[in-house]
Amino acid sequence: MSLLDSGPDRVTVYPTVEVDDGYGGTKPGPGAPVTLRARVLPAITDESGEAGYLTGTEYRVYARSLPAGPWSRVEWAGEVWAVVGEPQRFGGGRRLAHDVATIRKRG
């Protein structure tokens, strides 16, 4: 079994779907939650913050298939996270294919 299929972290992804905005158009909204096994590793820590301000930390989520996008919400480690940009999709065959998304804490 691959490390991509048996990651130690359990994440819940709320994929983005188009919902009615009440004005006759659509807007991005949360879809049905998808819970999956993934590997979450630190990516960036902003240690140069000013005194009294929170430091920002970003993580990378590695999974076989990650149904996320720029407006998706991710729940991990008891916190709510936002996906930064589009997830990267790596091919290269059935055994190596995986997705990587960068997440940042919301709020």
C-alpha atoms as a PDB file:
ATOM      1  CA  MET A   1       0.000   0.000   0.000  1.00  0.00           C
ATOM      2  CA  SER A   2       1.329   3.441  -0.911  1.00  0.00           C
ATOM      3  CA  LEU A   3       1.989   6.292   1.486  1.00  0.00           C
ATOM      4  CA  LEU A   4      -0.528   8.250  -0.585  1.00  0.00           C
ATOM      5  CA  ASP A   5      -3.288   5.764   0.260  1.00  0.00           C
ATOM      6  CA  SER A   6      -2.586   5.383   3.977  1.00  0.00           C
ATOM      7  CA  GLY A   7      -1.619   8.836   5.207  1.00  0.00           C
ATOM      8  CA  PRO A   8      -1.666   9.428   8.958  1.00  0.00           C
ATOM      9  CA  ASP A   9      -4.001  12.444   8.765  1.00  0.00           C
ATOM     10  CA  ARG A  10      -7.743  12.469   8.256  1.00  0.00           C
ATOM     11  CA  VAL A  11      -8.996  15.571   6.431  1.00  0.00           C
ATOM     12  CA  THR A  12     -12.487  16.618   5.447  1.00  0.00           C
ATOM     13  CA  VAL A  13     -12.750  18.584   2.199  1.00  0.00           C
ATOM     14  CA  TYR A  14     -15.800  20.636   1.268  1.00  0.00           C
ATOM     15  CA  PRO A  15     -15.480  20.950  -2.527  1.00  0.00           C
ATOM     16  CA  THR A  16     -16.724  24.088  -4.209  1.00  0.00           C
ATOM     17  CA  VAL A  17     -20.021  23.898  -6.095  1.00  0.00           C
ATOM     18  CA  GLU A  18     -22.036  26.622  -7.778  1.00  0.00           C
ATOM     19  CA  VAL A  19     -24.997  27.796  -5.642  1.00  0.00           C
ATOM     20  CA  ASP A  20     -27.700  30.386  -6.275  1.00  0.00           C
ATOM     21  CA  ASP A  21     -26.700  33.854  -5.070  1.00  0.00           C
ATOM     22  CA  GLY A  22     -30.290  35.112  -4.726  1.00  0.00           C
ATOM     23  CA  TYR A  23     -29.911  37.612  -7.570  1.00  0.00           C
ATOM     24  CA  GLY A  24     -30.338  35.253 -10.509  1.00  0.00           C
ATOM     25  CA  GLY A  25     -26.688  34.273 -10.729  1.00  0.00           C
ATOM     26  CA  THR A  26     -24.400  31.793  -9.052  1.00  0.00           C
ATOM     27  CA  LYS A  27     -21.553  31.928  -6.575  1.00  0.00           C
ATOM     28  CA  PRO A  28     -19.116  29.393  -5.124  1.00  0.00           C
ATOM     29  CA  GLY A  29     -20.492  27.508  -2.136  1.00  0.00           C
ATOM     30  CA  PRO A  30     -19.621  24.443  -0.051  1.00  0.00           C
ATOM     31  CA  GLY A  31     -20.498  21.041  -1.473  1.00  0.00           C
ATOM     32  CA  ALA A  32     -21.009  17.690   0.236  1.00  0.00           C
ATOM     33  CA  PRO A  33     -18.059  16.874   2.548  1.00  0.00           C
ATOM     34  CA  VAL A  34     -15.505  14.262   1.515  1.00  0.00           C
ATOM     35  CA  THR A  35     -13.373  12.645   4.251  1.00  0.00           C
ATOM     36  CA  LEU A  36     -10.095  11.100   3.151  1.00  0.00           C
ATOM     37  CA  ARG A  37      -6.691   9.931   4.356  1.00  0.00           C
ATOM     38  CA  ALA A  38      -3.843  12.297   3.537  1.00  0.00           C
ATOM     39  CA  ARG A  39      -0.411  13.398   4.620  1.00  0.00           C
ATOM     40  CA  VAL A  40      -0.216  16.990   5.886  1.00  0.00           C
ATOM     41  CA  LEU A  41       3.221  18.608   6.161  1.00  0.00           C
ATOM     42  CA  PRO A  42       4.303  22.172   7.011  1.00  0.00           C
ATOM     43  CA  ALA A  43       5.146  24.302   3.996  1.00  0.00           C
ATOM     44  CA  ILE A  44       5.830  27.893   5.098  1.00  0.00           C
ATOM     45  CA  THR A  45       6.069  29.648   8.438  1.00  0.00           C
ATOM     46  CA  ASP A  46       6.256  33.422   8.574  1.00  0.00           C
ATOM     47  CA  GLU A  47       8.547  33.916  11.561  1.00  0.00           C
ATOM     48  CA  SER A  48       9.320  37.540  10.705  1.00  0.00           C
ATOM     49  CA  GLY A  49       6.007  38.891  11.985  1.00  0.00           C
ATOM     50  CA  GLU A  50       5.796  42.004  14.082  1.00  0.00           C
ATOM     51  CA  ALA A  51       5.531  41.717  17.850  1.00  0.00           C
ATOM     52  CA  GLY A  52       1.925  41.138  18.910  1.00  0.00           C
ATOM     53  CA  TYR A  53       0.810  39.699  15.565  1.00  0.00           C
ATOM     54  CA  LEU A  54       0.115  36.067  14.760  1.00  0.00           C
ATOM     55  CA  THR A  55       2.536  34.232  12.535  1.00  0.00           C
ATOM     56  CA  GLY A  56       1.078  32.627   9.442  1.00  0.00           C
ATOM     57  CA  THR A  57       1.701  28.963   8.741  1.00  0.00           C
ATOM     58  CA  GLU A  58       0.785  27.106   5.598  1.00  0.00           C
ATOM     59  CA  TYR A  59       0.595  23.357   5.184  1.00  0.00           C
ATOM     60  CA  ARG A  60       0.614  21.098   2.154  1.00  0.00           C
ATOM     61  CA  VAL A  61      -1.927  18.300   1.857  1.00  0.00           C
ATOM     62  CA  TYR A  62      -0.774  15.266  -0.144  1.00  0.00           C
ATOM     63  CA  ALA A  63      -3.488  12.812  -1.225  1.00  0.00           C
ATOM     64  CA  ARG A  64      -4.179  10.338  -4.009  1.00  0.00           C
ATOM     65  CA  SER A  65      -7.171  12.412  -5.117  1.00  0.00           C
ATOM     66  CA  LEU A  66      -8.102  15.765  -3.589  1.00  0.00           C
ATOM     67  CA  PRO A  67     -11.470  17.258  -4.649  1.00  0.00           C
ATOM     68  CA  ALA A  68     -10.491  20.805  -3.727  1.00  0.00           C
ATOM     69  CA  GLY A  69     -10.279  24.169  -5.438  1.00  0.00           C
ATOM     70  CA  PRO A  70      -9.535  27.807  -4.635  1.00  0.00           C
ATOM     71  CA  TRP A  71     -12.736  28.352  -2.620  1.00  0.00           C
ATOM     72  CA  SER A  72     -12.798  24.962  -0.936  1.00  0.00           C
ATOM     73  CA  ARG A  73     -12.774  24.523   2.819  1.00  0.00           C
ATOM     74  CA  VAL A  74     -10.670  21.900   4.601  1.00  0.00           C
ATOM     75  CA  GLU A  75     -11.110  20.694   8.173  1.00  0.00           C
ATOM     76  CA  TRP A  76      -8.000  19.197   9.748  1.00  0.00           C
ATOM     77  CA  ALA A  77      -6.669  18.925  13.319  1.00  0.00           C
ATOM     78  CA  GLY A  78      -9.812  20.536  14.700  1.00  0.00           C
ATOM     79  CA  GLU A  79      -9.301  23.712  12.649  1.00  0.00           C
ATOM     80  CA  VAL A  80     -10.831  25.154   9.485  1.00  0.00           C
ATOM     81  CA  TRP A  81      -8.438  25.868   6.617  1.00  0.00           C
ATOM     82  CA  ALA A  82      -8.759  27.555   3.211  1.00  0.00           C
ATOM     83  CA  VAL A  83      -7.165  26.190   0.040  1.00  0.00           C
ATOM     84  CA  VAL A  84      -4.646  28.624  -1.454  1.00  0.00           C
ATOM     85  CA  GLY A  85      -4.926  28.629  -5.249  1.00  0.00           C
ATOM     86  CA  GLU A  86      -5.467  25.544  -7.373  1.00  0.00           C
ATOM     87  CA  PRO A  87      -4.213  22.162  -6.170  1.00  0.00           C
ATOM     88  CA  GLN A  88      -1.313  20.736  -8.149  1.00  0.00           C
ATOM     89  CA  ARG A  89      -2.136  17.525  -9.967  1.00  0.00           C
ATOM     90  CA  PHE A  90       0.729  15.146 -10.642  1.00  0.00           C
ATOM     91  CA  GLY A  91       0.381  12.313 -13.135  1.00  0.00           C
ATOM     92  CA  GLY A  92       3.109   9.908 -14.105  1.00  0.00           C
ATOM     93  CA  GLY A  93       1.208   6.662 -13.920  1.00  0.00           C
ATOM     94  CA  ARG A  94      -1.324   5.022 -11.661  1.00  0.00           C
ATOM     95  CA  ARG A  95       1.071   4.446  -8.750  1.00  0.00           C
ATOM     96  CA  LEU A  96       2.559   7.925  -8.686  1.00  0.00           C
ATOM     97  CA  ALA A  97      -0.472  10.088  -9.476  1.00  0.00           C
ATOM     98  CA  HIS A  98      -1.400  12.405  -6.605  1.00  0.00           C
ATOM     99  CA  ASP A  99      -2.679  15.881  -5.734  1.00  0.00           C
ATOM    100  CA  VAL A 100      -1.053  18.525  -3.551  1.00  0.00           C
ATOM    101  CA  ALA A 101      -2.911  21.528  -2.114  1.00  0.00           C
ATOM    102  CA  THR A 102      -1.600  24.350   0.045  1.00  0.00           C
ATOM    103  CA  ILE A 103      -3.874  25.284   2.962  1.00  0.00           C
ATOM    104  CA  ARG A 104      -3.886  28.339   5.229  1.00  0.00           C
ATOM    105  CA  LYS A 105      -5.790  28.744   8.488  1.00  0.00           C
ATOM    106  CA  ARG A 106      -9.046  30.676   8.128  1.00  0.00           C
ATOM    107  CA  GLY A 107     -10.027  33.578  10.319  1.00  0.00           C
END
